[in-house]
């Protein structure tokens, strides 16, 4: 396999100029350790998943940090919370930039410690599984979206050629459920697993806590709590609605998506691209694929775009909306591989509502050709970034 060049590397290097501590967070197995060790071969690497290293750090944090006091990568650093206060003192005294690199996959614990002890001293970077540009750079992006949507984007699927069914079944057991158990006491793992599977069937839909709760036989507060846990574990994310009211009643529930379509397909028992082509969830999975791609590129390239969707009470909807000042960039997402008349209708209707505030209109579809039409742009799913 050709080396996949991670787009986040340039931003990580930029952070070294301004912060004594750089933190890289993201889901387990997203490639954080590989990226940091390749980027920083001269840094000492310490994994606090290692029982001996963790015991040393917990028992005698001062001596531990005296031994590793400069140009060090601390992986899964949230496992030893006591270190953060000591790190604060050390970087304040030294004044060095890029002194420590922290990595972690439990976003809640890591961010809590950073906020409490290292606020203003740390530059943050999110690393998600591969995006389309990264796979394309290594010649790994197929021509049909169903193939990559089912396979997924985690590095191990490509570097070790792990079959998706084997990877995701183990990922759920060894990482997702482990993180959840460490965050909160989920008493019934079977019900929780069922909850995650039902969420996969809801991708691209408004988050309906009542439905999720009733389908699993749990309370709405529990369903809300479990959605938050899945967000913390980088399993799902919620796309917020754009709240500005353009003379019509708008809906304010977020839409539910998975960070990785391979995991969603696994939970839906979709094992091959040909199966997805015939599956009722094809359109929803394609929408998830595109939205997640825009999110990943936004984070990996640190573009700081705010992503929304828009829907009113009459069913008029814009799949993706990005405001920039008063300008609005909008996109419609369609799984079809051919461009047909009428696919752009929602874009034109929305423009008729808001007028010249629409800066760009883009149709993102399941084919390969890019086109410039008189009223809108057409982009392939392979190059979904429309802003």
Protein backbone atom coordinates (compact mmCIF):
# COMPACT_ATOMS: atom_id res chain seq x y z
CA UNK A 1 0.00 0.00 0.00
CA UNK A 2 1.25 3.51 -0.85
CA UNK A 3 1.68 5.81 2.13
CA UNK A 4 -1.49 7.72 2.92
CA UNK A 5 -0.55 11.35 3.51
CA UNK A 6 -2.61 12.73 6.37
CA UNK A 7 -3.87 16.23 5.67
CA UNK A 8 -3.76 17.22 9.35
CA UNK A 9 0.04 17.12 9.46
CA UNK A 10 0.51 20.70 8.24
CA UNK A 11 -1.82 22.07 10.88
CA UNK A 12 -0.07 20.09 13.62
CA UNK A 13 3.27 21.57 12.59
CA UNK A 14 1.72 25.05 12.62
CA UNK A 15 0.52 24.55 16.20
CA UNK A 16 4.11 23.88 17.29
CA UNK A 17 4.92 27.53 16.61
CA UNK A 18 2.34 28.86 19.04
CA UNK A 19 1.70 26.37 21.85
CA UNK A 20 3.90 24.53 24.39
CA UNK A 21 1.47 21.59 24.23
CA UNK A 22 -0.20 20.12 21.15
CA UNK A 23 -3.10 17.69 21.62
CA UNK A 24 -4.35 15.32 18.92
CA UNK A 25 -7.65 13.66 19.62
CA UNK A 26 -9.97 11.41 17.65
CA UNK A 27 -11.53 7.95 17.66
CA UNK A 28 -9.53 4.87 18.49
CA UNK A 29 -7.71 3.38 15.49
CA UNK A 30 -7.96 6.61 13.46
CA UNK A 31 -4.18 6.74 13.01
CA UNK A 32 -3.15 9.23 15.70
CA UNK A 33 -0.16 7.21 16.95
CA UNK A 34 1.10 6.38 13.45
CA UNK A 35 0.82 10.00 12.35
CA UNK A 36 2.61 11.42 15.39
CA UNK A 37 5.42 8.87 15.37
CA UNK A 38 6.02 9.43 11.66
CA UNK A 39 5.89 13.21 11.98
CA UNK A 40 8.01 13.39 15.12
CA UNK A 41 10.58 10.57 15.02
CA UNK A 42 12.90 12.56 17.32
CA UNK A 43 10.24 12.73 20.06
CA UNK A 44 10.17 10.08 22.79
CA UNK A 45 6.95 8.07 22.59
CA UNK A 46 5.25 6.93 25.82
CA UNK A 47 1.95 5.05 25.80
CA UNK A 48 0.02 5.37 29.04
CA UNK A 49 -1.97 2.32 28.05
CA UNK A 50 1.19 0.44 29.10
CA UNK A 51 0.62 -0.73 32.71
CA UNK A 52 4.21 -0.10 33.81
CA UNK A 53 4.38 3.42 32.39
CA UNK A 54 0.95 4.23 33.81
CA UNK A 55 1.86 2.91 37.27
CA UNK A 56 5.05 5.00 37.32
CA UNK A 57 3.19 8.13 36.24
CA UNK A 58 0.42 7.65 38.80
CA UNK A 59 2.67 6.79 41.73
CA UNK A 60 5.36 9.42 41.19
CA UNK A 61 4.30 11.95 38.54
CA UNK A 62 7.10 14.40 39.33
CA UNK A 63 9.86 11.82 38.81
CA UNK A 64 8.06 10.47 35.76
CA UNK A 65 8.01 13.88 34.11
CA UNK A 66 11.57 14.66 35.17
CA UNK A 67 12.56 11.59 33.17
CA UNK A 68 10.43 12.64 30.18
CA UNK A 69 10.56 16.42 30.29
CA UNK A 70 10.98 17.58 26.70
CA UNK A 71 9.94 16.53 23.20
CA UNK A 72 7.68 13.73 24.37
CA UNK A 73 4.50 12.20 22.97
CA UNK A 74 2.17 11.00 25.74
CA UNK A 75 -0.37 8.67 24.15
CA UNK A 76 -3.75 8.06 25.86
CA UNK A 77 -2.71 10.69 28.40
CA UNK A 78 -6.24 10.93 29.82
CA UNK A 79 -5.50 7.63 31.56
CA UNK A 80 -3.35 9.54 34.11
CA UNK A 81 -5.23 12.77 34.95
CA UNK A 82 -2.75 13.75 37.67
CA UNK A 83 -0.14 14.57 34.99
CA UNK A 84 -1.99 17.59 33.65
CA UNK A 85 -1.33 19.90 36.61
CA UNK A 86 2.35 18.99 36.56
CA UNK A 87 2.51 19.63 32.81
CA UNK A 88 1.02 23.08 33.38
CA UNK A 89 3.79 23.98 35.81
CA UNK A 90 6.52 22.62 33.55
CA UNK A 91 5.47 24.47 30.39
CA UNK A 92 4.91 27.71 32.29
CA UNK A 93 8.44 27.51 33.65
CA UNK A 94 10.16 26.46 30.42
CA UNK A 95 8.39 28.73 27.92
CA UNK A 96 9.20 26.24 25.13
CA UNK A 97 6.84 25.72 22.21
CA UNK A 98 6.03 22.14 21.20
CA UNK A 99 7.43 20.72 24.41
CA UNK A 100 4.78 18.01 24.77
CA UNK A 101 2.37 16.24 22.45
CA UNK A 102 -0.72 14.67 23.98
CA UNK A 103 -2.89 12.10 22.26
CA UNK A 104 -6.14 10.55 23.39
CA UNK A 105 -9.25 8.79 22.14
CA UNK A 106 -11.62 9.57 25.01
CA UNK A 107 -12.53 13.09 24.04
CA UNK A 108 -14.59 13.80 27.16
CA UNK A 109 -11.83 12.94 29.64
CA UNK A 110 -9.07 14.52 27.59
CA UNK A 111 -10.91 17.78 27.01
CA UNK A 112 -12.00 17.99 30.63
CA UNK A 113 -8.39 17.81 31.82
CA UNK A 114 -7.17 20.22 29.15
CA UNK A 115 -9.87 22.73 30.04
CA UNK A 116 -9.13 22.49 33.75
CA UNK A 117 -5.32 22.50 33.67
CA UNK A 118 -3.96 23.52 30.26
CA UNK A 119 -6.36 26.17 28.98
CA UNK A 120 -4.49 28.65 26.78
CA UNK A 121 -1.42 26.42 26.65
CA UNK A 122 -2.57 23.77 24.21
CA UNK A 123 -3.28 23.69 20.48
CA UNK A 124 -5.92 21.17 19.47
CA UNK A 125 -6.17 19.00 16.35
CA UNK A 126 -8.84 16.40 15.55
CA UNK A 127 -7.82 13.36 13.52
CA UNK A 128 -10.66 11.30 12.09
CA UNK A 129 -10.39 8.20 9.86
CA UNK A 130 -9.15 8.72 6.29
CA UNK A 131 -10.95 11.23 4.11
CA UNK A 132 -11.41 10.91 0.34
CA UNK A 133 -8.44 13.10 -0.54
CA UNK A 134 -6.16 11.06 1.68
CA UNK A 135 -7.27 7.77 0.13
CA UNK A 136 -7.02 9.23 -3.36
CA UNK A 137 -3.45 10.38 -2.69
CA UNK A 138 -2.47 6.72 -2.21
CA UNK A 139 -4.59 5.38 -5.09
CA UNK A 140 -7.02 3.72 -2.67
CA UNK A 141 -10.28 5.50 -3.48
CA UNK A 142 -12.53 3.34 -5.71
CA UNK A 143 -14.67 4.74 -8.50
CA UNK A 144 -17.99 3.69 -6.99
CA UNK A 145 -19.13 5.17 -3.71
CA UNK A 146 -20.82 1.96 -2.54
CA UNK A 147 -17.48 0.16 -2.31
CA UNK A 148 -15.80 2.68 -0.02
CA UNK A 149 -19.00 3.36 1.95
CA UNK A 150 -19.24 -0.30 2.94
CA UNK A 151 -15.52 -0.81 3.47
CA UNK A 152 -15.11 2.24 5.68
CA UNK A 153 -12.22 4.58 6.35
CA UNK A 154 -10.22 3.28 9.31
CA UNK A 155 -6.49 2.88 8.52
CA UNK A 156 -6.35 -0.80 9.56
CA UNK A 157 -8.78 -1.65 6.77
CA UNK A 158 -6.10 -0.58 4.30
CA UNK A 159 -2.72 -1.11 6.00
CA UNK A 160 -3.55 -4.61 7.26
CA UNK A 161 -6.21 -5.47 4.67
CA UNK A 162 -8.54 -6.42 7.52
CA UNK A 163 -11.98 -7.46 6.18
CA UNK A 164 -14.61 -4.92 7.23
CA UNK A 165 -16.82 -7.50 8.93
CA UNK A 166 -13.94 -8.66 11.15
CA UNK A 167 -12.66 -5.15 11.85
CA UNK A 168 -16.00 -3.63 12.84
CA UNK A 169 -17.24 -6.53 14.95
CA UNK A 170 -14.03 -6.31 16.98
CA UNK A 171 -14.05 -2.51 16.97
CA UNK A 172 -17.46 -2.47 18.59
CA UNK A 173 -16.45 -4.94 21.30
CA UNK A 174 -12.93 -3.80 22.09
CA UNK A 175 -13.16 -0.03 21.65
CA UNK A 176 -16.68 1.37 21.54
CA UNK A 177 -18.09 -0.71 24.37
CA UNK A 178 -14.90 -0.37 26.41
CA UNK A 179 -14.98 3.43 26.16
CA UNK A 180 -18.65 3.53 27.04
CA UNK A 181 -18.14 1.32 30.10
CA UNK A 182 -15.29 3.56 31.27
CA UNK A 183 -17.40 6.68 30.90
CA UNK A 184 -20.58 5.45 32.53
CA UNK A 185 -22.01 2.28 33.98
CA UNK A 186 -24.13 0.81 31.17
CA UNK A 187 -25.79 -2.09 32.93
CA UNK A 188 -27.28 -3.82 29.89
CA UNK A 189 -24.74 -4.06 27.07
CA UNK A 190 -27.13 -6.07 24.91
CA UNK A 191 -29.67 -3.24 24.95
CA UNK A 192 -26.90 -0.74 24.29
CA UNK A 193 -25.69 -2.73 21.27
CA UNK A 194 -29.25 -2.77 19.96
CA UNK A 195 -29.42 1.00 20.48
CA UNK A 196 -26.29 1.54 18.37
CA UNK A 197 -27.74 -0.63 15.59
CA UNK A 198 -31.01 1.29 15.62
CA UNK A 199 -29.05 4.54 15.36
CA UNK A 200 -27.45 3.18 12.18
CA UNK A 201 -30.93 2.84 10.73
CA UNK A 202 -31.60 6.50 11.48
CA UNK A 203 -28.66 8.10 9.63
CA UNK A 204 -29.66 11.25 7.80
CA UNK A 205 -32.87 11.60 9.79
CA UNK A 206 -33.93 14.04 12.48
CA UNK A 207 -32.84 12.76 15.87
CA UNK A 208 -35.98 11.28 17.43
CA UNK A 209 -35.24 10.40 21.05
CA UNK A 210 -38.78 9.14 21.59
CA UNK A 211 -38.44 6.63 18.75
CA UNK A 212 -34.98 5.50 19.86
CA UNK A 213 -36.14 5.05 23.43
CA UNK A 214 -39.29 3.12 22.52
CA UNK A 215 -37.43 0.89 20.04
CA UNK A 216 -34.99 -0.17 22.77
CA UNK A 217 -37.30 -0.16 25.78
CA UNK A 218 -35.38 2.59 27.56
CA UNK A 219 -36.31 6.05 28.83
CA UNK A 220 -35.85 9.20 26.76
CA UNK A 221 -33.25 10.58 29.22
CA UNK A 222 -31.29 7.34 28.80
CA UNK A 223 -31.53 7.59 25.00
CA UNK A 224 -30.27 11.18 25.19
CA UNK A 225 -27.41 10.11 27.46
CA UNK A 226 -26.43 7.25 25.15
CA UNK A 227 -26.41 9.55 22.11
CA UNK A 228 -24.02 11.83 24.02
CA UNK A 229 -21.83 8.84 24.86
CA UNK A 230 -21.69 7.80 21.21
CA UNK A 231 -20.69 11.36 20.30
CA UNK A 232 -17.92 11.27 22.91
CA UNK A 233 -16.67 7.95 21.53
CA UNK A 234 -16.63 9.37 17.97
CA UNK A 235 -19.27 6.94 16.76
CA UNK A 236 -21.97 9.46 15.81
CA UNK A 237 -22.22 13.19 15.33
CA UNK A 238 -25.23 15.49 15.21
CA UNK A 239 -25.59 18.01 12.39
CA UNK A 240 -27.38 21.08 13.77
CA UNK A 241 -30.19 22.85 11.92
CA UNK A 242 -29.75 26.39 10.68
CA UNK A 243 -32.08 28.39 12.91
CA UNK A 244 -32.62 31.52 10.85
CA UNK A 245 -36.28 31.75 9.99
CA UNK A 246 -36.85 32.64 6.34
CA UNK A 247 -40.56 33.46 6.73
CA UNK A 248 -41.46 29.84 7.44
CA UNK A 249 -41.58 27.65 10.50
CA UNK A 250 -38.33 25.70 10.72
CA UNK A 251 -37.51 22.45 12.46
CA UNK A 252 -34.89 22.53 15.21
CA UNK A 253 -33.93 18.88 15.81
CA UNK A 254 -30.40 17.88 14.70
CA UNK A 255 -29.77 15.13 12.15
CA UNK A 256 -27.93 11.97 13.12
CA UNK A 257 -24.87 10.68 11.23
CA UNK A 258 -22.05 8.20 11.78
CA UNK A 259 -18.46 9.35 11.55
CA UNK A 260 -17.75 6.20 9.53
CA UNK A 261 -20.18 4.71 7.02
CA UNK A 262 -18.41 1.35 7.21
CA UNK A 263 -19.54 0.97 10.80
CA UNK A 264 -23.09 2.03 9.91
CA UNK A 265 -23.19 -0.51 7.06
CA UNK A 266 -21.83 -3.23 9.35
CA UNK A 267 -24.60 -2.53 11.87
CA UNK A 268 -27.15 -2.72 9.04
CA UNK A 269 -25.67 -6.05 7.86
CA UNK A 270 -24.62 -4.57 4.52
CA UNK A 271 -21.45 -6.46 3.60
CA UNK A 272 -20.76 -5.54 -0.05
CA UNK A 273 -21.12 -2.57 -2.32
CA UNK A 274 -23.57 -4.48 -4.52
CA UNK A 275 -25.79 -5.02 -1.49
CA UNK A 276 -25.81 -1.30 -0.69
CA UNK A 277 -26.87 -0.51 -4.27
CA UNK A 278 -30.09 -2.47 -3.71
CA UNK A 279 -30.61 -1.51 -0.06
CA UNK A 280 -33.37 0.91 1.06
CA UNK A 281 -30.73 2.80 3.05
CA UNK A 282 -28.59 3.59 -0.02
CA UNK A 283 -29.64 7.24 -0.17
CA UNK A 284 -29.17 7.76 3.56
CA UNK A 285 -25.74 6.09 3.57
CA UNK A 286 -24.65 8.20 0.59
CA UNK A 287 -25.80 11.35 2.36
CA UNK A 288 -23.90 10.23 5.46
CA UNK A 289 -20.81 9.54 3.32
CA UNK A 290 -20.82 13.07 1.89
CA UNK A 291 -21.63 14.91 5.13
CA UNK A 292 -18.95 12.97 7.01
CA UNK A 293 -16.45 13.72 4.23
CA UNK A 294 -17.09 17.46 4.44
CA UNK A 295 -16.77 17.26 8.23
CA UNK A 296 -13.48 15.33 8.01
CA UNK A 297 -11.90 17.69 5.52
CA UNK A 298 -13.08 20.67 7.54
CA UNK A 299 -11.31 19.28 10.62
CA UNK A 300 -8.21 17.87 8.91
CA UNK A 301 -7.55 21.12 7.04
CA UNK A 302 -8.71 23.22 10.01
CA UNK A 303 -11.01 25.36 7.91
CA UNK A 304 -13.28 26.22 10.89
CA UNK A 305 -16.44 26.08 8.80
CA UNK A 306 -19.78 25.75 10.55
CA UNK A 307 -21.91 23.00 9.00
CA UNK A 308 -25.70 22.96 9.13
CA UNK A 309 -28.76 21.62 7.36
CA UNK A 310 -32.05 23.46 6.88
CA UNK A 311 -35.59 22.14 6.81
CA UNK A 312 -38.95 23.82 7.23
CA UNK A 313 -42.27 22.40 8.36
CA UNK A 314 -43.37 21.88 4.74
CA UNK A 315 -40.51 19.45 4.04
CA UNK A 316 -38.37 21.88 2.06
CA UNK A 317 -34.77 20.95 2.89
CA UNK A 318 -31.14 21.81 2.19
CA UNK A 319 -28.82 18.91 3.01
CA UNK A 320 -25.76 21.04 3.79
CA UNK A 321 -25.58 24.76 4.49
CA UNK A 322 -22.42 26.72 5.31
CA UNK A 323 -22.78 30.38 6.31
CA UNK A 324 -19.91 32.79 5.70
CA UNK A 325 -20.90 36.17 7.02
CA UNK A 326 -24.24 36.90 5.40
CA UNK A 327 -23.47 34.61 2.45
CA UNK A 328 -24.84 31.08 2.33
CA UNK A 329 -23.28 28.12 0.51
CA UNK A 330 -25.76 25.30 -0.01
CA UNK A 331 -25.54 21.73 -1.28
CA UNK A 332 -27.99 19.03 -2.29
CA UNK A 333 -26.84 15.40 -1.96
CA UNK A 334 -28.17 12.71 -4.30
CA UNK A 335 -27.02 9.09 -4.58
CA UNK A 336 -27.78 8.83 -8.29
CA UNK A 337 -24.84 8.24 -10.64
CA UNK A 338 -26.48 10.19 -13.48
CA UNK A 339 -27.42 13.86 -13.49
CA UNK A 340 -31.12 14.20 -14.14
CA UNK A 341 -33.34 17.22 -14.56
CA UNK A 342 -34.92 18.39 -11.32
CA UNK A 343 -32.19 17.28 -8.91
CA UNK A 344 -31.38 20.93 -8.29
CA UNK A 345 -34.96 21.97 -7.46
CA UNK A 346 -34.44 22.26 -3.69
CA UNK A 347 -31.43 24.52 -4.28
CA UNK A 348 -33.41 26.83 -6.54
CA UNK A 349 -36.42 26.89 -4.21
CA UNK A 350 -34.24 27.83 -1.26
CA UNK A 351 -32.61 30.57 -3.30
CA UNK A 352 -36.05 31.93 -4.16
CA UNK A 353 -36.73 32.23 -0.42
CA UNK A 354 -33.52 33.96 0.64
CA UNK A 355 -32.55 35.74 -2.57
CA UNK A 356 -29.04 36.94 -3.29
CA UNK A 357 -27.65 35.70 0.02
CA UNK A 358 -26.97 32.34 -1.65
CA UNK A 359 -23.34 32.54 -2.72
CA UNK A 360 -23.07 29.08 -4.27
CA UNK A 361 -25.35 26.17 -5.10
CA UNK A 362 -23.88 22.68 -5.50
CA UNK A 363 -25.29 19.29 -6.39
CA UNK A 364 -23.13 16.47 -5.00
CA UNK A 365 -23.97 13.17 -6.65
CA UNK A 366 -22.80 9.56 -6.90
CA UNK A 367 -21.10 9.94 -10.27
CA UNK A 368 -17.60 11.02 -11.24
CA UNK A 369 -17.92 14.10 -13.45
CA UNK A 370 -17.80 17.72 -12.31
CA UNK A 371 -19.84 20.24 -14.27
CA UNK A 372 -20.58 23.94 -14.22
CA UNK A 373 -24.21 24.63 -15.03
CA UNK A 374 -25.74 28.06 -15.52
CA UNK A 375 -27.47 28.03 -12.13
CA UNK A 376 -25.44 25.56 -10.03
CA UNK A 377 -22.28 23.47 -9.76
CA UNK A 378 -22.14 19.68 -10.00
CA UNK A 379 -19.52 17.87 -7.94
CA UNK A 380 -18.61 14.20 -7.63
CA UNK A 381 -18.78 12.50 -4.25
CA UNK A 382 -15.02 12.03 -4.58
CA UNK A 383 -14.52 15.78 -4.26
CA UNK A 384 -17.40 16.75 -2.01
CA UNK A 385 -15.95 19.92 -0.44
CA UNK A 386 -18.22 22.59 -1.93
CA UNK A 387 -17.07 25.73 -0.09
